[in-house]
Protein backbone atom coordinates (compact mmCIF):
# COMPACT_ATOMS: atom_id res chain seq x y z
CA MET A 1 -11.65 14.72 -3.23
CA SER A 2 -9.18 13.95 -6.03
CA GLY A 3 -11.71 13.20 -8.95
CA ILE A 4 -15.07 11.73 -10.05
CA THR A 5 -15.40 8.18 -11.36
CA ASP A 6 -17.28 7.09 -14.50
CA ASP A 7 -20.21 6.41 -12.66
CA GLY A 8 -20.41 9.85 -10.60
CA ARG A 9 -18.83 8.72 -7.60
CA GLN A 10 -16.37 10.82 -5.69
CA VAL A 11 -12.86 9.67 -5.39
CA VAL A 12 -11.54 10.68 -1.81
CA SER A 13 -7.84 11.53 -1.14
CA GLY A 14 -6.20 11.68 2.25
CA VAL A 15 -7.46 8.40 3.57
CA PHE A 16 -4.16 7.17 4.48
CA GLU A 17 -3.65 9.95 7.18
CA LEU A 18 -7.07 8.96 8.55
CA ILE A 19 -5.62 5.55 9.36
CA SER A 20 -1.73 6.56 9.84
CA THR A 21 -2.21 9.65 11.68
CA HIS A 22 -5.80 9.36 13.80
CA GLY A 23 -5.93 5.88 13.65
CA ILE A 24 -9.05 5.36 12.16
CA PRO A 25 -9.56 1.54 11.00
CA LEU A 26 -9.72 1.31 7.24
CA ASP A 27 -12.78 -0.82 6.92
CA VAL A 28 -14.74 1.97 9.13
CA VAL A 29 -13.57 4.72 6.86
CA LEU A 30 -14.53 2.43 3.70
CA GLU A 31 -17.72 1.88 5.37
CA ILE A 32 -18.56 5.59 5.66
CA LEU A 33 -17.37 6.60 2.19
CA ASP A 34 -19.25 3.64 0.81
CA ARG A 35 -22.79 5.20 2.28
CA HIS A 36 -22.17 8.15 0.88
CA GLY A 37 -21.39 6.98 -2.40
CA MET A 38 -17.56 7.71 -2.33
CA ILE A 39 -14.33 5.58 -2.81
CA VAL A 40 -10.76 5.83 -2.03
CA ASP A 41 -8.06 7.10 -4.06
CA TRP A 42 -6.07 3.86 -3.96
CA LEU A 43 -3.35 4.91 -5.82
CA GLU A 44 -2.65 7.87 -3.75
CA PHE A 45 -3.41 5.79 -0.44
CA TYR A 46 -0.55 3.35 -1.89
CA ARG A 47 2.02 5.97 -2.52
CA ARG A 48 1.66 7.78 1.04
CA SER A 49 1.94 4.22 2.77
CA LEU A 50 5.20 3.74 0.74
CA ASP A 51 6.43 7.40 1.55
CA GLU A 52 5.77 6.31 5.19
CA GLY A 53 7.82 3.07 5.02
CA TRP A 54 4.98 0.49 4.84
CA ASN A 55 5.83 -2.55 3.38
CA PRO A 56 3.97 -2.93 -0.06
CA THR A 57 2.61 -6.29 0.67
CA THR A 58 1.45 -5.18 4.38
CA THR A 59 -0.05 -2.61 2.47
CA PHE A 60 -2.27 -4.48 0.25
CA ASN A 61 -2.97 -7.05 2.79
CA LYS A 62 -4.27 -4.40 5.03
CA ILE A 63 -6.14 -2.87 2.15
CA GLU A 64 -7.47 -6.40 1.14
CA ALA A 65 -8.71 -7.13 4.59
CA SER A 66 -10.89 -4.06 4.71
CA VAL A 67 -12.21 -4.37 1.03
CA LEU A 68 -13.35 -7.90 1.49
CA ASP A 69 -14.97 -7.11 4.79
CA ILE A 70 -17.08 -4.03 3.38
CA TYR A 71 -17.37 -5.17 -0.03
CA GLY A 72 -18.06 -8.78 0.04
CA LYS A 73 -15.86 -11.38 -1.66
CA ASP A 74 -17.26 -10.86 -5.34
CA THR A 75 -17.16 -6.96 -5.48
CA GLY A 76 -13.91 -7.08 -2.96
CA MET A 77 -11.99 -9.23 -5.49
CA ILE A 78 -12.75 -7.18 -8.52
CA ILE A 79 -11.22 -4.39 -6.57
CA LEU A 80 -8.34 -6.24 -5.44
CA ASP A 81 -7.49 -7.45 -8.78
CA ARG A 82 -7.56 -4.28 -10.32
CA LEU A 83 -5.36 -2.54 -7.49
CA LYS A 84 -2.98 -5.47 -7.87
CA ASN A 85 -2.56 -4.26 -11.48
CA VAL A 86 -2.67 -0.61 -10.85
CA PHE A 87 0.22 -1.15 -8.07
CA SER A 88 2.13 -3.49 -10.03
CA ASP A 89 2.40 -0.89 -13.10
CA ASN A 90 3.49 1.97 -10.80
CA GLU A 91 6.33 -0.13 -9.34
CA LYS A 92 7.73 -0.84 -13.02
């Protein structure tokens, strides 16, 4: 766990390792976390993906597909817009 959101949900770190090392699909991880009222530490996920040599665009595309699948278009687009802002701020 890397924190708690304003609405009391746990923010979970280490998710990238589940995907990259153990091959667990991101949408499966998101679904389990969502059921338990938890969310991914996306900044940590993104940084770890770059550390492992993943292309930033590919990383975002993987996140996008899973987020839209699990949270639906309306909520998914809100999450993705926020992530785009955070990721672009961290590349400066």
